[in-house]
């Protein structure tokens, strides 16, 4: 299904400015496809697409179109990663030791350096390969300079003059050691402080071939440093233009692949159905009376979107495809999901412990913090496949009972009886089951807190933490801030698509009767106002009424007037 929300009108100057900034942004991220592909492979696990919803009919595409689409997606994902991930860094390529690519690379490099060694060992020495290496080093050093480094540029151009070096080699007057000394000194001038030690070690290498090999190795590290410096430099510009840039790139992808919103549509429809079912259950009369038809619960599209984001925290990543618009953040949502699962278990264990122990223990901040630290340490490996929650909770139960008994003795309180210890260990072990009542209560309250935080908009103050979550309040608020920032950025980019999907596929079906009934009582110029859609959308396009009525959707309210 293809969704193409209308774009607001802009004047020519605004279009020109936006086009220039977007072109500059695209040029800034153009050259980092390789680093992006590595980052995507390590950060976003592949999932098998199952239960594919109905989509647009397939069409044949050329190889050029496929490559252009892949390049656009790569640039969009790279820009998104730089903006969202403040710790984003380009890392040197490290091939696996037993890989074919590394073996081929090692063989080729060894052959090259052996050839250079043979040439330099001749009498007289042949400097053809060495001069080419000096030329490459010269270009690399020049690439590190900024426009204002004219003095350094002149020094490099003067000392590493290839024509002059060739003449010296032909006349037997070339001092290759002197050139290497200058190169090492220049590298020390332009390198990052973190590379000072590597550059200093180059001075201890006396043989020419190992020295050149080490110089190129350090230059490769300096290239990575320069790339990361460029990323840091363009990040402020990216943050200003990223929303429009990502939306533009996604729209281009959508035009080439019209089914790029299929899983998003399915995701939002499921969220709307779940939310409607919950509201209807809550609206049912307690004793069989008739419910008020005038107050029938209607899905609020903002609430539907918030609930859809919460569903991502309970996603089955192995069995279900992730929605397309949040696919770039799948690894981050998985990390949040894991943190919340650990937080749920931690909160349940602490709640059970403090409920069983004497009232004075839970009020001791030092003991509560110590107990929380112990449980967190024992749950550290929860993300590993070899981790067994039942075994970990058995160990946690033993350790908790030991700590509680020690605290009771230290405070002069009645010690734990064997029966109480057995009960406490059993309740802690029961937390391993997702159906455990205590665990379900903690999980439900965590989701309520996250939903309240999402619904609060851009308010600085966090909502009140529900009862029972006090011991894990700090950790919960940290996760909530990460989650809400991720969601708000995704909304800024893709909310027009979400609004269009909800209005056309979900809301109109359920609102049509209410809208038509109210229009009967009003004149035909009545306006239906909906929140969140930045562009005008004619309901007549979706439900034409013989051209007699026209509806306009504005970003004001979600309730039909």
Foldseek 3Di string as FASTA:
>chain_A
DFDDFDDDDDDPVVVVVLVVLLVVLCVLQQPCLVQLVVVCPVQFDDADAPPFDDFDDDDDDDPVVVVVLVSLVSSLLVLVCLQLPVPDARDDDDDDPPDPVVVVVVVVVVVLLVVQVVQVPDVPHDCPVVLVLLVVLLVLLVVLDDPVPVVLNVVSCVLSVSVVQVVCVVVVNHDVVVVLVVSLVSCCVRADPVCNVLSVVLVVDDDDSVSSVSSVVSSSVRVSVVSRVSSVVCNVSSVVSSQVNSLVSVSVSCVVPVRLQRVVLVLLVVLQVVVLVVQVVVQDDPPPDDGDPVPRDADALLLSLLSSLVVLLVDDRHHHPDGNLCSSCNSVSPVLSVLVLLLLLLLLLLLLLCVLADVVQVVDPVLLVVLSVVLCVLCVCVVDPPDDVLVSLLVSLVVSLVSRQVVCVVVVHDGDDPVSSVVSSVSSSVCSDCPRPSSVVSSVQLSVQLSVQLVVPPDPDRDDRDPSCVSVVVVSVVSSVSSNVSSVSSCSNCQLVSVVSCCQPPRCVVCVVVQVVVCVVDPQVAEFEGARNCDWDWCCVRVPDPPPHTYTYYRDHHDGD
